[in-house]
């Protein structure tokens, strides 16, 4: 039968009280459970060991945990654990998490998440605002909020009302002209020219294009299926000119067009965005982003007199007022 006892032992420095226990009867060896200066401390250890023995556990694990220094968890560790847990999100979201990790870990990587306060979060926001647009800063803060939610911080300092975001700058969309689009495509890396052309001809969001698979290509009806998005309006079919469908098909042999294979393998928000910016820089024109092509597409359709309801359905707007409010005032030279 398991047992625990206290033995008084005289040493050169004085009396010591040793706790010893057995995991079974007398055939089991005595195990050292601690040595103390006072009987009070020894009794506390004895009671702890006795409790572990009473429920059938080996006290060694509990005693080891008492003397071991707990491993310190940093924000970088937390962020990696968070991203590994997000098996429920789309690939494009994972790419965003990876992008945000670079800046957030640079600012908070060595910190213990439990010590992060709202002032620290405000410092992160201020640092990001030095070279990022207000909308980008908001997106970074959104990621920081859910990472700290994952750490069960209550209250979450990133959700504190005292954290202030930079005020967005109101600017009118300025889509590229047809000549500028052609210049961008000519100067872009060959690998991304077709992707840029598809964005210009369809008004798709770059994330929708990145997620497009061969199972989403409807050759018979000349359209692409958009499966990303949280609303019914976002999930839709997008018409594509026949000549452009043919160019898309030329990039992959028929036998290799498996349903889950990406139409634009290796494409990402950053890669296409960087391709456009580099092309603009090479050509010496104003810098444009993939979303500027979406602005251009919608603006052209409005100028052509296409009904706003039809345009909104095409580009995945849930309300036609969004299409009008954002794009109706945009003027282009064609």
C-alpha atoms as a PDB file:
ATOM      1  CA  UNK A   1       0.000   0.000   0.000  1.00  0.00           C
ATOM      2  CA  UNK A   2       1.329   3.469  -0.902  1.00  0.00           C
ATOM      3  CA  UNK A   3       2.520   5.567   2.004  1.00  0.00           C
ATOM      4  CA  UNK A   4       4.170   8.907   2.841  1.00  0.00           C
ATOM      5  CA  UNK A   5       6.135   9.953   5.937  1.00  0.00           C
ATOM      6  CA  UNK A   6       8.281  12.719   7.404  1.00  0.00           C
ATOM      7  CA  UNK A   7      11.742  11.963   8.794  1.00  0.00           C
ATOM      8  CA  UNK A   8      13.722  14.390  10.939  1.00  0.00           C
ATOM      9  CA  UNK A   9      17.419  14.400  10.095  1.00  0.00           C
ATOM     10  CA  UNK A  10      20.254  16.242  11.815  1.00  0.00           C
ATOM     11  CA  UNK A  11      22.743  17.943   9.459  1.00  0.00           C
ATOM     12  CA  UNK A  12      25.748  20.245  10.001  1.00  0.00           C
ATOM     13  CA  UNK A  13      23.521  23.263   9.349  1.00  0.00           C
ATOM     14  CA  UNK A  14      20.786  22.067  11.693  1.00  0.00           C
ATOM     15  CA  UNK A  15      17.642  19.953  11.578  1.00  0.00           C
ATOM     16  CA  UNK A  16      15.984  19.121   8.266  1.00  0.00           C
ATOM     17  CA  UNK A  17      12.609  17.497   7.701  1.00  0.00           C
ATOM     18  CA  UNK A  18      12.545  15.050   4.813  1.00  0.00           C
ATOM     19  CA  UNK A  19       9.394  13.844   3.058  1.00  0.00           C
ATOM     20  CA  UNK A  20       9.599  10.301   1.711  1.00  0.00           C
ATOM     21  CA  UNK A  21       7.009   8.123   0.036  1.00  0.00           C
ATOM     22  CA  UNK A  22       6.445   4.687  -1.490  1.00  0.00           C
ATOM     23  CA  UNK A  23       4.248   3.943  -4.508  1.00  0.00           C
ATOM     24  CA  UNK A  24       3.291   0.587  -2.983  1.00  0.00           C
ATOM     25  CA  UNK A  25       4.154  -1.760  -0.130  1.00  0.00           C
ATOM     26  CA  UNK A  26       7.542  -2.317   1.496  1.00  0.00           C
ATOM     27  CA  UNK A  27       8.881  -3.910  -1.672  1.00  0.00           C
ATOM     28  CA  UNK A  28       8.725  -0.484  -3.363  1.00  0.00           C
ATOM     29  CA  UNK A  29      11.730   1.817  -2.897  1.00  0.00           C
ATOM     30  CA  UNK A  30      11.537   4.969  -0.817  1.00  0.00           C
ATOM     31  CA  UNK A  31      11.348   8.102  -2.988  1.00  0.00           C
ATOM     32  CA  UNK A  32      12.597  11.466  -1.804  1.00  0.00           C
ATOM     33  CA  UNK A  33       9.802  14.023  -1.794  1.00  0.00           C
ATOM     34  CA  UNK A  34      11.622  17.110  -0.537  1.00  0.00           C
ATOM     35  CA  UNK A  35      13.678  18.480   2.338  1.00  0.00           C
ATOM     36  CA  UNK A  36      12.585  21.446   4.481  1.00  0.00           C
ATOM     37  CA  UNK A  37      13.779  23.613   7.346  1.00  0.00           C
ATOM     38  CA  UNK A  38      10.465  23.531   9.225  1.00  0.00           C
ATOM     39  CA  UNK A  39       7.947  20.853  10.067  1.00  0.00           C
ATOM     40  CA  UNK A  40       5.167  23.103   8.716  1.00  0.00           C
ATOM     41  CA  UNK A  41       6.670  23.102   5.221  1.00  0.00           C
ATOM     42  CA  UNK A  42       7.258  19.365   5.394  1.00  0.00           C
ATOM     43  CA  UNK A  43       3.653  18.707   6.359  1.00  0.00           C
ATOM     44  CA  UNK A  44       2.397  20.765   3.421  1.00  0.00           C
ATOM     45  CA  UNK A  45       4.560  18.687   1.069  1.00  0.00           C
ATOM     46  CA  UNK A  46       3.433  15.466   2.757  1.00  0.00           C
ATOM     47  CA  UNK A  47      -0.218  16.363   2.291  1.00  0.00           C
ATOM     48  CA  UNK A  48       0.414  17.177  -1.383  1.00  0.00           C
ATOM     49  CA  UNK A  49       2.110  13.827  -1.970  1.00  0.00           C
ATOM     50  CA  UNK A  50      -0.603  11.984  -0.038  1.00  0.00           C
ATOM     51  CA  UNK A  51      -3.280  13.592  -2.210  1.00  0.00           C
ATOM     52  CA  UNK A  52      -1.552  12.451  -5.399  1.00  0.00           C
ATOM     53  CA  UNK A  53      -1.167   8.921  -4.057  1.00  0.00           C
ATOM     54  CA  UNK A  54      -4.814   8.818  -2.978  1.00  0.00           C
ATOM     55  CA  UNK A  55      -6.029   9.390  -6.550  1.00  0.00           C
ATOM     56  CA  UNK A  56      -3.566   6.870  -7.988  1.00  0.00           C
ATOM     57  CA  UNK A  57      -1.091   9.342  -9.506  1.00  0.00           C
ATOM     58  CA  UNK A  58       2.675   9.286  -9.246  1.00  0.00           C
ATOM     59  CA  UNK A  59       3.638  12.419  -7.251  1.00  0.00           C
ATOM     60  CA  UNK A  60       6.912  12.709  -9.194  1.00  0.00           C
ATOM     61  CA  UNK A  61       5.267  14.601 -12.080  1.00  0.00           C
ATOM     62  CA  UNK A  62       3.667  17.137  -9.755  1.00  0.00           C
ATOM     63  CA  UNK A  63       6.878  17.609  -7.774  1.00  0.00           C
ATOM     64  CA  UNK A  64       8.869  18.083 -10.962  1.00  0.00           C
ATOM     65  CA  UNK A  65       6.471  20.785 -12.125  1.00  0.00           C
ATOM     66  CA  UNK A  66       6.995  22.648  -8.842  1.00  0.00           C
ATOM     67  CA  UNK A  67      10.718  23.049  -9.394  1.00  0.00           C
ATOM     68  CA  UNK A  68      10.804  23.461 -13.185  1.00  0.00           C
ATOM     69  CA  UNK A  69      10.717  26.981 -14.587  1.00  0.00           C
ATOM     70  CA  UNK A  70       7.635  27.292 -16.828  1.00  0.00           C
ATOM     71  CA  UNK A  71       8.509  27.864 -20.482  1.00  0.00           C
ATOM     72  CA  UNK A  72       7.937  31.483 -21.472  1.00  0.00           C
ATOM     73  CA  UNK A  73       5.565  31.905 -24.409  1.00  0.00           C
ATOM     74  CA  UNK A  74       6.238  34.841 -26.675  1.00  0.00           C
ATOM     75  CA  UNK A  75       3.890  36.656 -29.018  1.00  0.00           C
ATOM     76  CA  UNK A  76       5.744  35.042 -31.938  1.00  0.00           C
ATOM     77  CA  UNK A  77       4.967  31.583 -30.476  1.00  0.00           C
ATOM     78  CA  UNK A  78       1.335  32.576 -30.016  1.00  0.00           C
ATOM     79  CA  UNK A  79       1.040  33.885 -33.583  1.00  0.00           C
ATOM     80  CA  UNK A  80       2.441  30.662 -35.044  1.00  0.00           C
ATOM     81  CA  UNK A  81       0.093  28.550 -32.907  1.00  0.00           C
ATOM     82  CA  UNK A  82      -2.824  30.714 -34.030  1.00  0.00           C
ATOM     83  CA  UNK A  83      -2.056  30.402 -37.754  1.00  0.00           C
ATOM     84  CA  UNK A  84      -1.536  26.640 -37.415  1.00  0.00           C
ATOM     85  CA  UNK A  85      -4.987  26.345 -35.828  1.00  0.00           C
ATOM     86  CA  UNK A  86      -6.804  28.187 -38.646  1.00  0.00           C
ATOM     87  CA  UNK A  87      -7.620  25.195 -40.815  1.00  0.00           C
ATOM     88  CA  UNK A  88     -11.013  26.773 -41.454  1.00  0.00           C
ATOM     89  CA  UNK A  89      -9.874  29.736 -43.553  1.00  0.00           C
ATOM     90  CA  UNK A  90      -9.180  30.127 -47.253  1.00  0.00           C
ATOM     91  CA  UNK A  91      -5.672  30.051 -48.677  1.00  0.00           C
ATOM     92  CA  UNK A  92      -5.783  33.777 -49.408  1.00  0.00           C
ATOM     93  CA  UNK A  93      -6.530  34.464 -45.731  1.00  0.00           C
ATOM     94  CA  UNK A  94      -3.545  32.358 -44.711  1.00  0.00           C
ATOM     95  CA  UNK A  95      -1.400  34.421 -47.068  1.00  0.00           C
ATOM     96  CA  UNK A  96      -2.647  37.584 -45.352  1.00  0.00           C
ATOM     97  CA  UNK A  97      -1.795  36.129 -41.936  1.00  0.00           C
ATOM     98  CA  UNK A  98       1.711  35.411 -43.198  1.00  0.00           C
ATOM     99  CA  UNK A  99       2.097  38.963 -44.473  1.00  0.00           C
ATOM    100  CA  UNK A 100       0.819  40.467 -41.220  1.00  0.00           C
ATOM    101  CA  UNK A 101       3.112  38.235 -39.171  1.00  0.00           C
ATOM    102  CA  UNK A 102       6.220  39.977 -40.499  1.00  0.00           C
ATOM    103  CA  UNK A 103       5.256  43.390 -39.120  1.00  0.00           C
ATOM    104  CA  UNK A 104       3.428  42.301 -35.961  1.00  0.00           C
ATOM    105  CA  UNK A 105       6.146  39.901 -34.817  1.00  0.00           C
ATOM    106  CA  UNK A 106       8.765  42.545 -35.532  1.00  0.00           C
ATOM    107  CA  UNK A 107       6.921  44.870 -33.125  1.00  0.00           C
ATOM    108  CA  UNK A 108       5.745  42.379 -30.466  1.00  0.00           C
ATOM    109  CA  UNK A 109       7.605  39.134 -31.142  1.00  0.00           C
ATOM    110  CA  UNK A 110       9.547  38.852 -27.837  1.00  0.00           C
ATOM    111  CA  UNK A 111       6.702  40.045 -25.631  1.00  0.00           C
ATOM    112  CA  UNK A 112       4.748  37.789 -23.295  1.00  0.00           C
ATOM    113  CA  UNK A 113       1.160  38.116 -24.605  1.00  0.00           C
ATOM    114  CA  UNK A 114      -0.112  38.377 -21.029  1.00  0.00           C
ATOM    115  CA  UNK A 115       1.848  41.616 -20.547  1.00  0.00           C
ATOM    116  CA  UNK A 116       0.536  43.418 -23.658  1.00  0.00           C
ATOM    117  CA  UNK A 117      -1.641  46.407 -22.790  1.00  0.00           C
ATOM    118  CA  UNK A 118      -3.729  48.788 -24.856  1.00  0.00           C
ATOM    119  CA  UNK A 119      -0.849  51.293 -24.835  1.00  0.00           C
ATOM    120  CA  UNK A 120       1.344  48.667 -26.534  1.00  0.00           C
ATOM    121  CA  UNK A 121      -1.361  48.099 -29.140  1.00  0.00           C
ATOM    122  CA  UNK A 122      -1.559  51.850 -29.746  1.00  0.00           C
ATOM    123  CA  UNK A 123       2.203  51.841 -30.257  1.00  0.00           C
ATOM    124  CA  UNK A 124       1.824  49.101 -32.883  1.00  0.00           C
ATOM    125  CA  UNK A 125      -0.882  51.107 -34.659  1.00  0.00           C
ATOM    126  CA  UNK A 126       1.273  54.243 -34.647  1.00  0.00           C
ATOM    127  CA  UNK A 127       4.278  52.351 -36.039  1.00  0.00           C
ATOM    128  CA  UNK A 128       2.217  50.794 -38.820  1.00  0.00           C
ATOM    129  CA  UNK A 129       0.651  54.145 -39.693  1.00  0.00           C
ATOM    130  CA  UNK A 130       4.101  55.561 -40.503  1.00  0.00           C
ATOM    131  CA  UNK A 131       4.210  53.767 -43.858  1.00  0.00           C
ATOM    132  CA  UNK A 132       0.890  51.975 -44.359  1.00  0.00           C
ATOM    133  CA  UNK A 133      -2.463  53.274 -45.554  1.00  0.00           C
ATOM    134  CA  UNK A 134      -5.183  53.671 -42.886  1.00  0.00           C
ATOM    135  CA  UNK A 135      -7.158  50.737 -44.317  1.00  0.00           C
ATOM    136  CA  UNK A 136      -4.091  48.497 -44.140  1.00  0.00           C
ATOM    137  CA  UNK A 137      -3.498  49.523 -40.518  1.00  0.00           C
ATOM    138  CA  UNK A 138      -7.097  48.578 -39.740  1.00  0.00           C
ATOM    139  CA  UNK A 139      -6.561  45.151 -41.316  1.00  0.00           C
ATOM    140  CA  UNK A 140      -3.410  44.574 -39.250  1.00  0.00           C
ATOM    141  CA  UNK A 141      -5.286  45.547 -36.079  1.00  0.00           C
ATOM    142  CA  UNK A 142      -8.064  43.109 -37.002  1.00  0.00           C
ATOM    143  CA  UNK A 143      -5.523  40.301 -37.198  1.00  0.00           C
ATOM    144  CA  UNK A 144      -3.943  41.325 -33.879  1.00  0.00           C
ATOM    145  CA  UNK A 145      -7.364  41.268 -32.235  1.00  0.00           C
ATOM    146  CA  UNK A 146      -8.149  37.688 -33.222  1.00  0.00           C
ATOM    147  CA  UNK A 147      -4.615  36.507 -32.322  1.00  0.00           C
ATOM    148  CA  UNK A 148      -5.031  37.901 -28.793  1.00  0.00           C
ATOM    149  CA  UNK A 149      -8.538  36.411 -28.665  1.00  0.00           C
ATOM    150  CA  UNK A 150      -6.853  33.073 -29.377  1.00  0.00           C
ATOM    151  CA  UNK A 151      -4.672  33.684 -26.291  1.00  0.00           C
ATOM    152  CA  UNK A 152      -7.847  34.099 -24.181  1.00  0.00           C
ATOM    153  CA  UNK A 153      -6.827  37.586 -23.057  1.00  0.00           C
ATOM    154  CA  UNK A 154      -9.732  39.123 -21.179  1.00  0.00           C
ATOM    155  CA  UNK A 155     -10.028  41.993 -21.658  1.00  0.00           C
ATOM    156  CA  UNK A 156      -8.382  41.960 -25.063  1.00  0.00           C
ATOM    157  CA  UNK A 157      -6.159  45.087 -25.243  1.00  0.00           C
ATOM    158  CA  UNK A 158      -6.492  45.238 -29.038  1.00  0.00           C
ATOM    159  CA  UNK A 159     -10.249  45.733 -28.600  1.00  0.00           C
ATOM    160  CA  UNK A 160      -9.889  48.530 -26.068  1.00  0.00           C
ATOM    161  CA  UNK A 161     -11.866  51.609 -27.068  1.00  0.00           C
ATOM    162  CA  UNK A 162      -8.895  53.790 -26.228  1.00  0.00           C
ATOM    163  CA  UNK A 163      -6.955  52.404 -29.200  1.00  0.00           C
ATOM    164  CA  UNK A 164      -7.270  54.963 -32.006  1.00  0.00           C
ATOM    165  CA  UNK A 165      -6.865  54.268 -35.709  1.00  0.00           C
ATOM    166  CA  UNK A 166      -5.598  56.815 -38.256  1.00  0.00           C
ATOM    167  CA  UNK A 167      -8.340  58.639 -40.100  1.00  0.00           C
ATOM    168  CA  UNK A 168      -8.827  57.297 -43.648  1.00  0.00           C
ATOM    169  CA  UNK A 169      -7.924  59.745 -46.368  1.00  0.00           C
ATOM    170  CA  UNK A 170     -10.824  60.372 -48.691  1.00  0.00           C
ATOM    171  CA  UNK A 171      -9.621  60.126 -52.265  1.00  0.00           C
ATOM    172  CA  UNK A 172     -11.410  59.634 -55.528  1.00  0.00           C
ATOM    173  CA  UNK A 173     -10.651  56.431 -57.439  1.00  0.00           C
ATOM    174  CA  UNK A 174      -8.388  57.111 -60.386  1.00  0.00           C
ATOM    175  CA  UNK A 175      -8.468  54.052 -62.664  1.00  0.00           C
ATOM    176  CA  UNK A 176      -5.901  53.663 -65.450  1.00  0.00           C
ATOM    177  CA  UNK A 177      -6.726  54.518 -69.035  1.00  0.00           C
ATOM    178  CA  UNK A 178      -6.762  51.842 -71.738  1.00  0.00           C
ATOM    179  CA  UNK A 179      -3.320  52.991 -72.899  1.00  0.00           C
ATOM    180  CA  UNK A 180      -1.961  52.687 -69.362  1.00  0.00           C
ATOM    181  CA  UNK A 181      -3.436  49.190 -69.009  1.00  0.00           C
ATOM    182  CA  UNK A 182      -1.661  48.088 -72.171  1.00  0.00           C
ATOM    183  CA  UNK A 183       1.567  49.664 -70.924  1.00  0.00           C
ATOM    184  CA  UNK A 184       1.275  47.809 -67.615  1.00  0.00           C
ATOM    185  CA  UNK A 185       0.695  44.448 -69.311  1.00  0.00           C
ATOM    186  CA  UNK A 186       3.587  44.915 -71.748  1.00  0.00           C
ATOM    187  CA  UNK A 187       5.994  45.801 -68.932  1.00  0.00           C
ATOM    188  CA  UNK A 188       4.768  43.197 -66.434  1.00  0.00           C
ATOM    189  CA  UNK A 189       6.577  39.908 -65.921  1.00  0.00           C
ATOM    190  CA  UNK A 190       5.381  37.493 -68.612  1.00  0.00           C
ATOM    191  CA  UNK A 191       4.073  35.064 -65.978  1.00  0.00           C
ATOM    192  CA  UNK A 192       1.466  37.554 -64.705  1.00  0.00           C
ATOM    193  CA  UNK A 193       0.340  39.272 -67.914  1.00  0.00           C
ATOM    194  CA  UNK A 194      -2.669  37.038 -68.448  1.00  0.00           C
ATOM    195  CA  UNK A 195      -3.785  37.393 -64.836  1.00  0.00           C
ATOM    196  CA  UNK A 196      -3.688  41.187 -65.146  1.00  0.00           C
ATOM    197  CA  UNK A 197      -5.647  40.978 -68.408  1.00  0.00           C
ATOM    198  CA  UNK A 198      -8.330  38.825 -66.759  1.00  0.00           C
ATOM    199  CA  UNK A 199      -8.703  41.370 -63.937  1.00  0.00           C
ATOM    200  CA  UNK A 200      -9.062  44.193 -66.460  1.00  0.00           C
ATOM    201  CA  UNK A 201     -11.614  42.354 -68.607  1.00  0.00           C
ATOM    202  CA  UNK A 202     -13.789  40.894 -65.818  1.00  0.00           C
ATOM    203  CA  UNK A 203     -13.632  43.298 -62.864  1.00  0.00           C
ATOM    204  CA  UNK A 204     -12.796  40.399 -60.553  1.00  0.00           C
ATOM    205  CA  UNK A 205     -11.180  41.008 -57.205  1.00  0.00           C
ATOM    206  CA  UNK A 206      -7.593  39.796 -57.091  1.00  0.00           C
ATOM    207  CA  UNK A 207      -8.465  37.341 -54.290  1.00  0.00           C
ATOM    208  CA  UNK A 208     -11.190  35.829 -56.470  1.00  0.00           C
ATOM    209  CA  UNK A 209      -8.757  35.360 -59.331  1.00  0.00           C
ATOM    210  CA  UNK A 210      -6.148  33.770 -57.062  1.00  0.00           C
ATOM    211  CA  UNK A 211      -8.687  31.218 -55.774  1.00  0.00           C
ATOM    212  CA  UNK A 212      -9.976  30.282 -59.241  1.00  0.00           C
ATOM    213  CA  UNK A 213      -9.592  26.562 -60.094  1.00  0.00           C
ATOM    214  CA  UNK A 214     -10.095  24.692 -63.358  1.00  0.00           C
ATOM    215  CA  UNK A 215     -13.345  23.312 -61.966  1.00  0.00           C
ATOM    216  CA  UNK A 216     -14.577  26.912 -62.004  1.00  0.00           C
ATOM    217  CA  UNK A 217     -13.963  27.391 -65.737  1.00  0.00           C
ATOM    218  CA  UNK A 218     -17.163  26.972 -67.759  1.00  0.00           C
ATOM    219  CA  UNK A 219     -15.918  26.862 -71.352  1.00  0.00           C
ATOM    220  CA  UNK A 220     -19.336  26.171 -72.851  1.00  0.00           C
ATOM    221  CA  UNK A 221     -20.923  29.294 -71.363  1.00  0.00           C
ATOM    222  CA  UNK A 222     -17.779  31.472 -71.419  1.00  0.00           C
ATOM    223  CA  UNK A 223     -17.676  32.253 -67.703  1.00  0.00           C
ATOM    224  CA  UNK A 224     -15.755  31.752 -64.459  1.00  0.00           C
ATOM    225  CA  UNK A 225     -17.291  30.732 -61.161  1.00  0.00           C
ATOM    226  CA  UNK A 226     -16.501  32.798 -58.066  1.00  0.00           C
ATOM    227  CA  UNK A 227     -16.826  30.694 -54.903  1.00  0.00           C
ATOM    228  CA  UNK A 228     -15.153  33.000 -52.394  1.00  0.00           C
ATOM    229  CA  UNK A 229     -17.033  35.569 -50.324  1.00  0.00           C
ATOM    230  CA  UNK A 230     -19.469  35.503 -47.416  1.00  0.00           C
ATOM    231  CA  UNK A 231     -22.579  36.701 -49.253  1.00  0.00           C
ATOM    232  CA  UNK A 232     -24.692  35.250 -52.038  1.00  0.00           C
ATOM    233  CA  UNK A 233     -23.808  38.251 -54.197  1.00  0.00           C
ATOM    234  CA  UNK A 234     -20.104  37.517 -53.830  1.00  0.00           C
ATOM    235  CA  UNK A 235     -20.548  33.909 -55.024  1.00  0.00           C
ATOM    236  CA  UNK A 236     -21.461  34.199 -58.694  1.00  0.00           C
ATOM    237  CA  UNK A 237     -20.544  33.558 -62.349  1.00  0.00           C
ATOM    238  CA  UNK A 238     -18.457  36.117 -64.228  1.00  0.00           C
ATOM    239  CA  UNK A 239     -18.701  36.344 -68.047  1.00  0.00           C
ATOM    240  CA  UNK A 240     -15.386  36.162 -69.904  1.00  0.00           C
ATOM    241  CA  UNK A 241     -14.763  37.017 -73.583  1.00  0.00           C
ATOM    242  CA  UNK A 242     -14.236  33.942 -75.744  1.00  0.00           C
ATOM    243  CA  UNK A 243     -10.779  35.064 -76.886  1.00  0.00           C
ATOM    244  CA  UNK A 244      -9.733  35.413 -73.235  1.00  0.00           C
ATOM    245  CA  UNK A 245     -11.086  31.962 -72.313  1.00  0.00           C
ATOM    246  CA  UNK A 246      -8.989  30.559 -75.164  1.00  0.00           C
ATOM    247  CA  UNK A 247      -5.870  32.294 -73.833  1.00  0.00           C
ATOM    248  CA  UNK A 248      -6.565  30.880 -70.366  1.00  0.00           C
ATOM    249  CA  UNK A 249      -6.951  27.353 -71.756  1.00  0.00           C
ATOM    250  CA  UNK A 250      -3.658  27.623 -73.638  1.00  0.00           C
ATOM    251  CA  UNK A 251      -1.803  27.854 -70.311  1.00  0.00           C
ATOM    252  CA  UNK A 252      -2.603  24.257 -69.340  1.00  0.00           C
ATOM    253  CA  UNK A 253      -2.990  21.040 -71.415  1.00  0.00           C
ATOM    254  CA  UNK A 254      -6.513  19.516 -71.246  1.00  0.00           C
ATOM    255  CA  UNK A 255      -5.300  16.363 -69.470  1.00  0.00           C
ATOM    256  CA  UNK A 256      -3.766  18.454 -66.671  1.00  0.00           C
ATOM    257  CA  UNK A 257      -6.872  20.540 -65.969  1.00  0.00           C
ATOM    258  CA  UNK A 258      -7.973  18.765 -62.812  1.00  0.00           C
ATOM    259  CA  UNK A 259     -10.898  20.357 -60.995  1.00  0.00           C
ATOM    260  CA  UNK A 260      -8.872  21.487 -57.974  1.00  0.00           C
ATOM    261  CA  UNK A 261      -5.832  22.746 -59.875  1.00  0.00           C
ATOM    262  CA  UNK A 262      -5.377  26.513 -59.717  1.00  0.00           C
ATOM    263  CA  UNK A 263      -5.837  28.373 -63.001  1.00  0.00           C
ATOM    264  CA  UNK A 264      -3.064  30.767 -61.987  1.00  0.00           C
ATOM    265  CA  UNK A 265      -0.675  28.637 -59.888  1.00  0.00           C
ATOM    266  CA  UNK A 266       1.615  30.648 -57.642  1.00  0.00           C
ATOM    267  CA  UNK A 267      -0.514  33.766 -57.916  1.00  0.00           C
ATOM    268  CA  UNK A 268      -1.217  35.783 -54.771  1.00  0.00           C
ATOM    269  CA  UNK A 269      -2.436  39.223 -53.810  1.00  0.00           C
ATOM    270  CA  UNK A 270       1.107  40.399 -53.258  1.00  0.00           C
ATOM    271  CA  UNK A 271       2.639  38.779 -56.324  1.00  0.00           C
ATOM    272  CA  UNK A 272       0.162  40.320 -58.749  1.00  0.00           C
ATOM    273  CA  UNK A 273       0.188  43.642 -56.904  1.00  0.00           C
ATOM    274  CA  UNK A 274       3.970  43.735 -57.014  1.00  0.00           C
ATOM    275  CA  UNK A 275       3.956  42.779 -60.700  1.00  0.00           C
ATOM    276  CA  UNK A 276       1.730  45.755 -61.494  1.00  0.00           C
ATOM    277  CA  UNK A 277       3.712  48.202 -59.379  1.00  0.00           C
ATOM    278  CA  UNK A 278       6.997  47.068 -60.902  1.00  0.00           C
ATOM    279  CA  UNK A 279       5.525  47.387 -64.394  1.00  0.00           C
ATOM    280  CA  UNK A 280       4.347  50.921 -63.657  1.00  0.00           C
ATOM    281  CA  UNK A 281       7.764  51.829 -62.294  1.00  0.00           C
ATOM    282  CA  UNK A 282       9.504  50.381 -65.351  1.00  0.00           C
ATOM    283  CA  UNK A 283       7.178  52.276 -67.700  1.00  0.00           C
ATOM    284  CA  UNK A 284       7.488  55.508 -65.735  1.00  0.00           C
ATOM    285  CA  UNK A 285       3.745  55.917 -65.181  1.00  0.00           C
ATOM    286  CA  UNK A 286       1.643  56.391 -62.045  1.00  0.00           C
ATOM    287  CA  UNK A 287       1.457  53.341 -59.794  1.00  0.00           C
ATOM    288  CA  UNK A 288      -1.711  51.246 -60.065  1.00  0.00           C
ATOM    289  CA  UNK A 289      -2.995  48.277 -58.057  1.00  0.00           C
ATOM    290  CA  UNK A 290      -5.119  45.284 -59.115  1.00  0.00           C
ATOM    291  CA  UNK A 291      -8.156  46.930 -57.510  1.00  0.00           C
ATOM    292  CA  UNK A 292      -7.706  49.929 -59.795  1.00  0.00           C
ATOM    293  CA  UNK A 293      -8.498  47.568 -62.690  1.00  0.00           C
ATOM    294  CA  UNK A 294     -11.779  46.729 -60.972  1.00  0.00           C
ATOM    295  CA  UNK A 295     -12.517  50.457 -60.677  1.00  0.00           C
ATOM    296  CA  UNK A 296     -11.796  50.805 -64.385  1.00  0.00           C
ATOM    297  CA  UNK A 297     -14.051  47.900 -65.388  1.00  0.00           C
ATOM    298  CA  UNK A 298     -17.038  49.193 -63.431  1.00  0.00           C
ATOM    299  CA  UNK A 299     -16.495  52.769 -64.602  1.00  0.00           C
ATOM    300  CA  UNK A 300     -16.407  51.655 -68.234  1.00  0.00           C
ATOM    301  CA  UNK A 301     -19.645  49.680 -67.832  1.00  0.00           C
ATOM    302  CA  UNK A 302     -21.368  52.674 -66.259  1.00  0.00           C
ATOM    303  CA  UNK A 303     -20.227  54.890 -69.149  1.00  0.00           C
ATOM    304  CA  UNK A 304     -21.509  52.273 -71.612  1.00  0.00           C
ATOM    305  CA  UNK A 305     -24.974  52.595 -70.092  1.00  0.00           C
ATOM    306  CA  UNK A 306     -25.170  49.069 -68.661  1.00  0.00           C
ATOM    307  CA  UNK A 307     -27.914  48.946 -65.971  1.00  0.00           C
ATOM    308  CA  UNK A 308     -26.443  49.398 -62.504  1.00  0.00           C
ATOM    309  CA  UNK A 309     -28.319  46.342 -61.217  1.00  0.00           C
ATOM    310  CA  UNK A 310     -26.591  44.212 -63.836  1.00  0.00           C
ATOM    311  CA  UNK A 311     -23.171  45.691 -63.071  1.00  0.00           C
ATOM    312  CA  UNK A 312     -23.635  45.145 -59.318  1.00  0.00           C
ATOM    313  CA  UNK A 313     -24.525  41.486 -59.914  1.00  0.00           C
ATOM    314  CA  UNK A 314     -21.525  41.056 -62.199  1.00  0.00           C
ATOM    315  CA  UNK A 315     -18.958  42.405 -59.714  1.00  0.00           C
ATOM    316  CA  UNK A 316     -20.520  40.949 -56.565  1.00  0.00           C
ATOM    317  CA  UNK A 317     -21.925  44.073 -54.921  1.00  0.00           C
ATOM    318  CA  UNK A 318     -24.797  43.290 -52.551  1.00  0.00           C
ATOM    319  CA  UNK A 319     -26.317  46.746 -53.149  1.00  0.00           C
ATOM    320  CA  UNK A 320     -26.476  48.728 -56.376  1.00  0.00           C
ATOM    321  CA  UNK A 321     -26.099  51.895 -54.266  1.00  0.00           C
ATOM    322  CA  UNK A 322     -22.568  50.723 -53.458  1.00  0.00           C
ATOM    323  CA  UNK A 323     -21.789  50.561 -57.157  1.00  0.00           C
ATOM    324  CA  UNK A 324     -23.178  54.035 -57.776  1.00  0.00           C
ATOM    325  CA  UNK A 325     -21.725  55.713 -54.688  1.00  0.00           C
ATOM    326  CA  UNK A 326     -18.241  54.371 -55.321  1.00  0.00           C
ATOM    327  CA  UNK A 327     -17.918  54.431 -59.089  1.00  0.00           C
ATOM    328  CA  UNK A 328     -20.512  56.652 -60.779  1.00  0.00           C
ATOM    329  CA  UNK A 329     -18.437  59.827 -60.359  1.00  0.00           C
ATOM    330  CA  UNK A 330     -15.258  58.275 -61.762  1.00  0.00           C
ATOM    331  CA  UNK A 331     -14.320  59.681 -65.130  1.00  0.00           C
ATOM    332  CA  UNK A 332     -11.945  58.099 -67.621  1.00  0.00           C
ATOM    333  CA  UNK A 333     -10.753  59.380 -70.948  1.00  0.00           C
ATOM    334  CA  UNK A 334     -12.470  56.775 -73.145  1.00  0.00           C
END
